[in-house]
Protein backbone atom coordinates (compact mmCIF):
# COMPACT_ATOMS: atom_id res chain seq x y z
CA MET A 1 -7.02 -153.31 -235.39
CA THR A 2 -4.40 -150.84 -234.19
CA ILE A 3 -5.60 -148.24 -231.71
CA ALA A 4 -4.98 -144.73 -233.07
CA THR A 5 -2.32 -142.63 -231.37
CA ASP A 6 -1.97 -139.97 -234.09
CA PHE A 7 -4.86 -137.63 -234.82
CA SER A 8 -2.92 -135.23 -237.00
CA GLY A 9 -5.14 -136.23 -239.93
CA ILE A 10 -8.19 -134.74 -238.18
CA PRO A 11 -8.22 -131.04 -239.19
CA ALA A 12 -8.03 -128.57 -236.32
CA TYR A 13 -11.12 -126.41 -235.90
CA VAL A 14 -10.81 -123.15 -237.83
CA GLY A 15 -14.44 -122.21 -238.30
CA PRO A 16 -17.93 -123.68 -238.45
CA PRO A 17 -17.99 -126.50 -241.02
CA ASN A 18 -21.02 -127.36 -243.11
CA GLU A 19 -23.01 -130.53 -242.54
CA ALA A 20 -21.04 -132.52 -245.10
CA GLU A 21 -17.77 -131.57 -243.38
CA ILE A 22 -19.15 -132.50 -239.96
CA TYR A 23 -20.14 -135.94 -241.20
CA SER A 24 -16.79 -136.36 -242.95
CA ARG A 25 -14.90 -135.57 -239.74
CA LEU A 26 -16.98 -138.07 -237.81
CA ARG A 27 -16.30 -140.75 -240.41
CA ALA A 28 -12.57 -139.98 -240.17
CA VAL A 29 -12.74 -140.33 -236.37
CA ALA A 30 -14.57 -143.65 -236.75
CA ASP A 31 -11.89 -144.91 -239.16
CA LEU A 32 -9.33 -144.29 -236.40
CA GLY A 33 -11.30 -146.50 -234.02
CA VAL A 34 -12.48 -143.82 -231.60
CA PHE A 35 -15.93 -145.44 -231.30
CA ARG A 36 -14.51 -148.87 -230.37
CA HIS A 37 -13.06 -148.29 -226.89
CA THR A 38 -14.45 -150.27 -223.92
CA LEU A 39 -16.51 -152.47 -226.25
CA PRO A 40 -16.08 -156.27 -226.55
CA GLU A 41 -13.92 -157.58 -229.37
CA ALA A 42 -16.74 -159.94 -230.34
CA ILE A 43 -18.76 -156.98 -231.67
CA GLY A 44 -15.83 -155.13 -233.19
CA GLY A 45 -14.58 -153.25 -230.15
CA PHE A 46 -11.04 -153.08 -228.83
CA GLY A 47 -11.84 -155.02 -225.66
CA ASP A 48 -10.01 -152.38 -223.61
CA ASN A 49 -11.22 -150.14 -220.78
CA PHE A 50 -12.55 -146.69 -219.94
CA ALA A 51 -9.08 -145.46 -219.04
CA ALA A 52 -8.09 -146.06 -222.68
CA LEU A 53 -11.18 -144.20 -223.87
CA VAL A 54 -10.29 -141.17 -221.74
CA LYS A 55 -6.72 -141.17 -223.04
CA THR A 56 -7.81 -141.35 -226.68
CA HIS A 57 -10.50 -138.68 -226.36
CA ARG A 58 -8.07 -136.33 -224.65
CA ARG A 59 -5.52 -136.73 -227.45
CA LEU A 60 -8.23 -136.16 -230.03
CA GLY A 61 -9.48 -133.02 -228.27
CA GLU A 62 -5.98 -131.55 -228.21
CA ALA A 63 -5.58 -132.24 -231.94
CA CYS A 64 -8.97 -131.03 -233.19
CA ARG A 65 -9.66 -128.23 -230.66
CA ASP A 66 -13.34 -128.63 -231.49
CA PRO A 67 -15.91 -128.94 -228.66
CA GLY A 68 -18.59 -129.60 -231.27
CA LEU A 69 -16.82 -132.68 -232.64
CA MET A 70 -16.33 -134.02 -229.11
CA LEU A 71 -20.02 -133.41 -228.37
CA ALA A 72 -21.04 -135.30 -231.51
CA ILE A 73 -18.81 -138.26 -230.66
CA ASN A 74 -20.18 -138.54 -227.14
CA ALA A 75 -23.80 -138.22 -228.27
CA HIS A 76 -23.17 -141.09 -230.68
CA LEU A 77 -21.53 -143.29 -228.05
CA TRP A 78 -23.63 -142.74 -224.96
CA GLY A 79 -26.86 -141.94 -226.78
CA SER A 80 -27.01 -144.91 -229.13
CA VAL A 81 -24.08 -147.37 -228.95
CA PHE A 82 -24.20 -148.06 -225.23
CA PRO A 83 -27.99 -148.24 -224.84
CA ILE A 84 -28.10 -150.80 -227.65
CA LEU A 85 -25.19 -152.70 -226.11
CA LEU A 86 -26.76 -152.74 -222.64
CA TYR A 87 -30.45 -153.14 -223.49
CA GLY A 88 -30.72 -154.41 -227.05
CA ASN A 89 -31.65 -157.97 -227.92
CA GLU A 90 -29.25 -160.04 -229.99
CA ALA A 91 -30.91 -159.15 -233.28
CA GLN A 92 -30.68 -155.43 -232.50
CA LYS A 93 -27.03 -155.68 -231.47
CA GLU A 94 -26.20 -157.58 -234.64
CA LYS A 95 -28.01 -155.06 -236.84
CA PHE A 96 -26.98 -151.78 -235.24
CA LEU A 97 -23.62 -152.08 -233.51
CA PRO A 98 -21.32 -152.91 -236.45
CA PRO A 99 -22.39 -149.92 -238.60
CA LEU A 100 -22.44 -147.61 -235.57
CA LEU A 101 -18.91 -148.61 -234.58
CA SER A 102 -17.57 -148.33 -238.12
CA GLY A 103 -19.11 -144.90 -238.65
CA GLN A 104 -21.36 -146.13 -241.45
CA TRP A 105 -24.27 -144.93 -239.33
CA LEU A 106 -24.32 -141.87 -237.08
CA GLY A 107 -26.44 -142.12 -233.95
CA GLY A 108 -27.61 -140.25 -230.90
CA HIS A 109 -30.59 -140.01 -228.60
CA ALA A 110 -33.57 -137.69 -228.27
CA ILE A 111 -34.74 -136.77 -224.78
CA THR A 112 -35.20 -132.98 -224.60
CA GLU A 113 -38.44 -131.37 -225.78
CA PRO A 114 -39.48 -127.75 -226.32
CA THR A 115 -41.18 -127.72 -222.91
CA CYS A 116 -38.95 -130.04 -220.85
CA GLY A 117 -35.30 -130.81 -220.36
CA SER A 118 -33.82 -132.30 -217.21
CA ASP A 119 -37.25 -133.22 -215.85
CA VAL A 120 -37.77 -136.16 -218.17
CA GLN A 121 -41.01 -137.14 -216.45
CA ALA A 122 -42.55 -134.03 -218.00
CA MET A 123 -42.00 -135.24 -221.57
CA ILE A 124 -45.15 -135.33 -223.69
CA THR A 125 -43.90 -137.30 -226.70
CA HIS A 126 -45.99 -140.45 -226.57
CA ALA A 127 -46.29 -143.87 -228.16
CA GLU A 128 -49.27 -146.08 -228.73
CA GLN A 129 -49.11 -149.83 -229.15
CA THR A 130 -50.89 -151.19 -232.20
CA GLY A 131 -51.43 -154.68 -233.50
CA ASP A 132 -48.32 -154.49 -235.66
CA GLY A 133 -45.98 -152.27 -233.61
CA TYR A 134 -46.01 -148.72 -232.28
CA VAL A 135 -47.01 -145.22 -233.33
CA LEU A 136 -44.97 -142.25 -232.01
CA SER A 137 -46.04 -138.60 -231.92
CA GLY A 138 -44.34 -135.54 -230.48
CA GLU A 139 -41.38 -133.21 -230.87
CA LYS A 140 -37.79 -133.32 -229.64
CA ARG A 141 -35.60 -130.21 -229.59
CA TYR A 142 -31.85 -129.44 -229.26
CA ILE A 143 -30.85 -132.96 -230.27
CA SER A 144 -27.15 -133.54 -230.96
CA ASN A 145 -26.26 -135.00 -234.37
CA VAL A 146 -29.64 -134.09 -235.90
CA PRO A 147 -30.35 -133.75 -238.79
CA LEU A 148 -27.27 -135.79 -239.79
CA ALA A 149 -28.04 -138.85 -237.65
CA ASP A 150 -29.12 -142.04 -239.40
CA TRP A 151 -30.69 -143.51 -236.25
CA LEU A 152 -31.75 -142.19 -232.88
CA VAL A 153 -32.84 -143.75 -229.63
CA ILE A 154 -36.01 -141.75 -229.02
CA TYR A 155 -37.73 -141.73 -225.64
CA ALA A 156 -41.51 -141.51 -225.42
CA LYS A 157 -44.22 -142.36 -222.92
CA LEU A 158 -46.12 -145.56 -223.53
CA ASP A 159 -49.04 -146.04 -221.16
CA GLY A 160 -47.49 -143.32 -219.01
CA LYS A 161 -44.12 -145.09 -218.76
CA ILE A 162 -41.00 -143.81 -220.51
CA SER A 163 -39.80 -146.29 -223.12
CA ALA A 164 -37.11 -146.25 -225.80
CA PHE A 165 -37.48 -146.75 -229.54
CA LEU A 166 -35.04 -147.09 -232.42
CA VAL A 167 -36.04 -144.57 -235.08
CA SER A 168 -34.57 -144.01 -238.53
CA ARG A 169 -34.49 -140.69 -240.33
CA ASP A 170 -36.21 -142.51 -243.20
CA ASP A 171 -39.19 -143.76 -241.18
CA ASP A 172 -42.59 -142.56 -242.36
CA GLY A 173 -43.92 -139.82 -240.12
CA CYS A 174 -40.45 -138.86 -238.88
CA ASN A 175 -38.65 -135.64 -239.76
CA PHE A 176 -35.11 -134.75 -238.68
CA ASN A 177 -34.46 -131.03 -239.27
CA ASN A 178 -32.14 -128.24 -238.20
CA GLN A 179 -34.73 -126.20 -236.28
CA GLY A 180 -33.30 -125.20 -232.91
CA SER A 181 -29.71 -125.24 -234.16
CA LEU A 182 -27.29 -123.55 -231.77
CA ALA A 183 -24.83 -120.69 -232.22
CA ALA A 184 -22.26 -122.69 -230.27
CA CYS A 185 -20.43 -126.00 -230.64
CA ARG A 186 -20.79 -125.43 -234.37
CA GLY A 187 -18.48 -128.31 -235.17
CA SER A 188 -21.52 -130.49 -234.51
CA ALA A 189 -25.10 -130.53 -235.72
CA THR A 190 -28.05 -129.76 -233.44
CA GLY A 191 -31.67 -129.90 -234.50
CA SER A 192 -35.20 -131.13 -233.93
CA VAL A 193 -37.18 -134.31 -234.48
CA ILE A 194 -40.84 -134.12 -235.46
CA LEU A 195 -42.86 -137.31 -235.01
CA ASN A 196 -46.26 -137.29 -236.68
CA ASP A 197 -47.87 -140.72 -236.34
CA CYS A 198 -44.47 -142.33 -236.93
CA ARG A 199 -45.12 -146.05 -237.37
CA LEU A 200 -42.55 -148.55 -236.13
CA GLY A 201 -42.43 -152.31 -236.14
CA PRO A 202 -42.32 -154.34 -232.92
CA ASP A 203 -38.56 -154.83 -233.37
CA ARG A 204 -37.98 -151.10 -232.77
CA LEU A 205 -38.69 -151.18 -229.03
CA LEU A 206 -35.33 -151.05 -227.21
CA GLY A 207 -35.40 -152.87 -223.90
CA LYS A 208 -38.59 -153.40 -221.98
CA ILE A 209 -41.62 -151.13 -221.90
CA GLY A 210 -41.10 -148.66 -219.07
CA ALA A 211 -37.31 -149.13 -218.91
CA GLY A 212 -36.66 -145.73 -220.48
CA THR A 213 -36.08 -143.84 -217.23
CA GLN A 214 -33.26 -146.16 -216.19
CA MET A 215 -31.83 -146.09 -219.71
CA ILE A 216 -31.75 -142.30 -219.72
CA GLN A 217 -30.07 -142.27 -216.34
CA LYS A 218 -27.31 -144.61 -217.46
CA ALA A 219 -26.76 -142.75 -220.72
CA LEU A 220 -26.49 -139.42 -218.91
CA GLU A 221 -24.15 -140.87 -216.30
CA TYR A 222 -21.73 -142.02 -218.97
CA GLU A 223 -22.02 -138.73 -220.85
CA ARG A 224 -21.47 -136.60 -217.76
CA ALA A 225 -18.48 -138.70 -216.75
CA PHE A 226 -16.60 -138.82 -220.04
CA VAL A 227 -17.67 -136.00 -222.35
CA PHE A 228 -15.03 -133.78 -220.76
CA ALA A 229 -12.18 -136.11 -221.70
CA GLY A 230 -12.07 -134.44 -225.10
CA ILE A 231 -12.55 -131.02 -223.51
CA ALA A 232 -9.52 -131.70 -221.29
CA GLY A 233 -7.52 -132.15 -224.49
CA ILE A 234 -8.80 -128.81 -225.81
CA MET A 235 -7.81 -127.24 -222.49
CA ASP A 236 -4.33 -128.77 -222.88
CA TRP A 237 -3.95 -126.84 -226.12
CA GLN A 238 -5.58 -123.74 -224.64
CA LEU A 239 -3.13 -123.66 -221.73
CA ALA A 240 -0.12 -124.23 -223.99
CA GLU A 241 -1.22 -121.32 -226.20
CA VAL A 242 -1.61 -119.02 -223.21
CA VAL A 243 1.81 -119.97 -221.83
CA ARG A 244 3.39 -119.40 -225.26
CA TYR A 245 1.68 -116.04 -225.63
CA SER A 246 2.67 -114.92 -222.12
CA ARG A 247 6.32 -115.70 -222.92
CA GLU A 248 6.33 -113.89 -226.27
CA ARG A 249 4.31 -110.81 -225.34
CA ARG A 250 6.15 -108.07 -223.45
CA SER A 251 4.63 -105.54 -221.08
CA GLY A 252 6.45 -103.08 -218.84
CA GLY A 253 9.80 -104.30 -220.15
CA VAL A 254 9.22 -107.94 -219.13
CA HIS A 255 7.43 -110.97 -220.49
CA LEU A 256 3.68 -110.80 -219.83
CA GLY A 257 3.85 -113.93 -217.68
CA LYS A 258 6.17 -112.15 -215.24
CA HIS A 259 3.24 -110.12 -214.00
CA GLN A 260 1.69 -111.81 -211.00
CA ALA A 261 -1.88 -111.13 -212.13
CA ILE A 262 -1.18 -113.07 -215.33
CA SER A 263 0.86 -115.87 -213.79
CA HIS A 264 -1.84 -116.51 -211.18
CA ARG A 265 -4.48 -116.88 -213.88
CA ILE A 266 -2.25 -119.37 -215.69
CA ALA A 267 -1.69 -121.29 -212.45
CA ASP A 268 -5.44 -121.48 -211.93
CA MET A 269 -5.90 -122.81 -215.48
CA LYS A 270 -3.37 -125.55 -214.81
CA LEU A 271 -5.01 -126.47 -211.52
CA ARG A 272 -8.44 -126.73 -213.13
CA LEU A 273 -7.13 -128.88 -215.95
CA ASP A 274 -5.35 -131.30 -213.64
CA THR A 275 -8.41 -131.51 -211.36
CA ILE A 276 -10.57 -132.45 -214.35
CA ALA A 277 -8.03 -135.14 -215.21
CA LEU A 278 -8.31 -136.54 -211.68
CA TRP A 279 -12.10 -136.68 -211.92
CA LEU A 280 -11.94 -138.36 -215.32
CA GLY A 281 -9.54 -140.91 -213.91
CA GLU A 282 -11.87 -141.61 -211.00
CA CYS A 283 -14.85 -142.12 -213.31
CA ALA A 284 -12.81 -144.48 -215.47
CA ARG A 285 -11.68 -146.40 -212.39
CA LEU A 286 -15.24 -146.81 -211.16
CA CYS A 287 -16.50 -148.01 -214.56
CA ASP A 288 -13.61 -150.41 -215.04
CA ALA A 289 -14.26 -151.84 -211.56
CA GLY A 290 -18.01 -152.17 -212.23
CA GLN A 291 -18.86 -149.73 -209.45
CA ARG A 292 -21.58 -147.11 -209.20
CA LEU A 293 -20.95 -143.96 -211.22
CA THR A 294 -23.91 -141.72 -210.37
CA LEU A 295 -22.29 -139.41 -207.81
CA ALA A 296 -18.86 -139.18 -209.43
CA SER A 297 -20.31 -138.40 -212.86
CA ALA A 298 -22.41 -135.54 -211.46
CA GLN A 299 -19.38 -134.15 -209.62
CA THR A 300 -17.26 -134.40 -212.76
CA LYS A 301 -19.85 -132.64 -214.90
CA LEU A 302 -20.36 -129.89 -212.33
CA TYR A 303 -16.68 -129.15 -211.84
CA ALA A 304 -15.52 -129.60 -215.42
CA ALA A 305 -18.24 -127.46 -217.02
CA GLU A 306 -17.52 -124.52 -214.74
CA ALA A 307 -13.76 -125.00 -215.03
CA PHE A 308 -13.89 -125.02 -218.83
CA LEU A 309 -15.84 -121.76 -218.84
CA GLN A 310 -13.57 -120.00 -216.35
CA SER A 311 -10.37 -121.11 -218.06
CA SER A 312 -11.75 -119.99 -221.42
CA LEU A 313 -12.50 -116.57 -219.94
CA ASP A 314 -9.03 -116.42 -218.39
CA ALA A 315 -7.38 -117.33 -221.70
CA LEU A 316 -9.27 -114.55 -223.48
CA GLN A 317 -8.44 -112.07 -220.72
CA ILE A 318 -4.73 -112.89 -220.95
CA MET A 319 -4.54 -112.81 -224.75
CA GLY A 320 -6.69 -109.70 -225.16
CA ALA A 321 -7.30 -108.59 -228.74
CA THR A 322 -5.14 -111.43 -230.06
CA GLY A 323 -7.70 -113.91 -228.76
CA LEU A 324 -10.44 -112.03 -230.60
CA GLU A 325 -8.79 -112.18 -234.02
CA SER A 326 -10.90 -113.89 -236.66
CA GLU A 327 -8.49 -116.80 -237.07
CA SER A 328 -8.38 -117.47 -233.32
CA VAL A 329 -10.81 -119.90 -231.68
CA MET A 330 -10.29 -118.51 -228.15
CA ALA A 331 -13.40 -116.34 -228.19
CA GLU A 332 -15.49 -119.12 -229.69
CA LEU A 333 -14.36 -121.46 -226.91
CA VAL A 334 -15.97 -119.09 -224.41
CA GLN A 335 -19.27 -119.32 -226.26
CA ASP A 336 -18.94 -123.09 -226.51
CA ALA A 337 -18.18 -123.39 -222.79
CA VAL A 338 -21.32 -121.39 -221.92
CA ALA A 339 -23.35 -123.82 -224.02
CA TRP A 340 -22.15 -126.98 -222.30
CA LEU A 341 -25.32 -127.32 -220.23
CA PHE A 342 -26.42 -130.60 -221.81
CA SER A 343 -26.91 -133.54 -219.43
CA GLY A 344 -28.13 -130.99 -216.91
CA SER A 345 -26.98 -127.55 -215.76
CA SER A 346 -24.75 -126.99 -212.74
CA GLU A 347 -27.85 -126.48 -210.61
CA VAL A 348 -29.20 -129.86 -211.72
CA GLN A 349 -25.91 -131.52 -210.80
CA LYS A 350 -25.93 -129.87 -207.37
CA ASN A 351 -29.49 -131.08 -206.76
CA LEU A 352 -28.45 -134.59 -207.73
CA ILE A 353 -25.37 -134.56 -205.50
CA ALA A 354 -27.40 -133.25 -202.55
CA ALA A 355 -30.11 -135.87 -203.11
CA LEU A 356 -27.54 -138.68 -203.21
CA LEU A 357 -26.21 -137.42 -199.88
CA GLY A 358 -29.70 -137.63 -198.40
CA THR A 359 -30.63 -133.97 -198.54
CA GLY A 360 -32.01 -131.52 -201.08
CA ASP A 361 -34.72 -132.18 -203.63
CA ALA A 362 -35.54 -135.71 -204.70
CA TYR A 363 -33.81 -136.82 -207.85
CA ARG A 364 -36.59 -137.68 -210.24
CA LEU A 365 -34.57 -140.06 -212.39
CA ASN A 366 -34.20 -142.57 -209.53
CA PRO A 367 -30.48 -143.37 -209.94
CA GLN A 368 -29.63 -147.03 -210.40
CA PRO A 369 -26.25 -148.69 -209.72
CA HIS A 370 -24.41 -150.28 -212.59
CA SER A 371 -24.48 -154.05 -212.65
């Protein structure tokens, strides 16, 4: 299969799509092979590396200019594809990976609950083991790709230990709905999962009982490290638009960009973008070398999230009323950037970085190195 280099067929974001349009865009992305990077050829992947994934996601972000679409893609990859690849048995890999890679199925994972987020040990969704499988009960909130997802990796406590389960939207006792949908990243779906004595067979346990904490940690590491590859592409477009506008707009008899206050903001936007690219490259290098990602992914998430917000504010400040026009996405990018707190807020990332340096609060997820 040829790796896509042209994403012109993916419509640029011009307003919040409906659920059918969101799913259609994800299927189009899957047809271009975006879900297949870094995965072995034996299961339908490209057999390439994380550097290739970063390059592709950045090109896609520049073309679509849609943080929501990039969020949905990353939730699918790091929330379902990689946990199944890393922890699934052969039967699970054979059943789930081909349709997930092809886009036939949309996936994700469910960690957050109405009363807990980053502190996963506080989750109250629970599972009970029965003679013929498991019964899950609880509620998950703010889950990416819900209610569109076909399958989710859902985390619940079994005998007090966090474990992972493969749950279908069609399972009895399971309800995927759009409660808790967000007024940001509207190019993706966000909703809730209600589990009311949801009965699953023994083949739905993913990995070992009690392995859920480590699985969450690895999934979040990957997400923190690479979700901003697509955002870097959006920032490429954002910067180009600001430069174009500053050249065309005149103020005080000169181009807007001639004013030092404007040119300095543009310089800062460029510096932030290139720094994000360096961090993405470092995360890709570590993954491709099989080295530990925990610290670098937290640093990437911390820097990139704050950089995206500040550059979005700078772009709107420079473009003024033009950036607020109904057909412009500049103002919406500010709202989207504020919302990019998934995988932990900046404060959570700082706590993690401090803990890994031997100071600060203990990191409750107990980071594990990649094998």
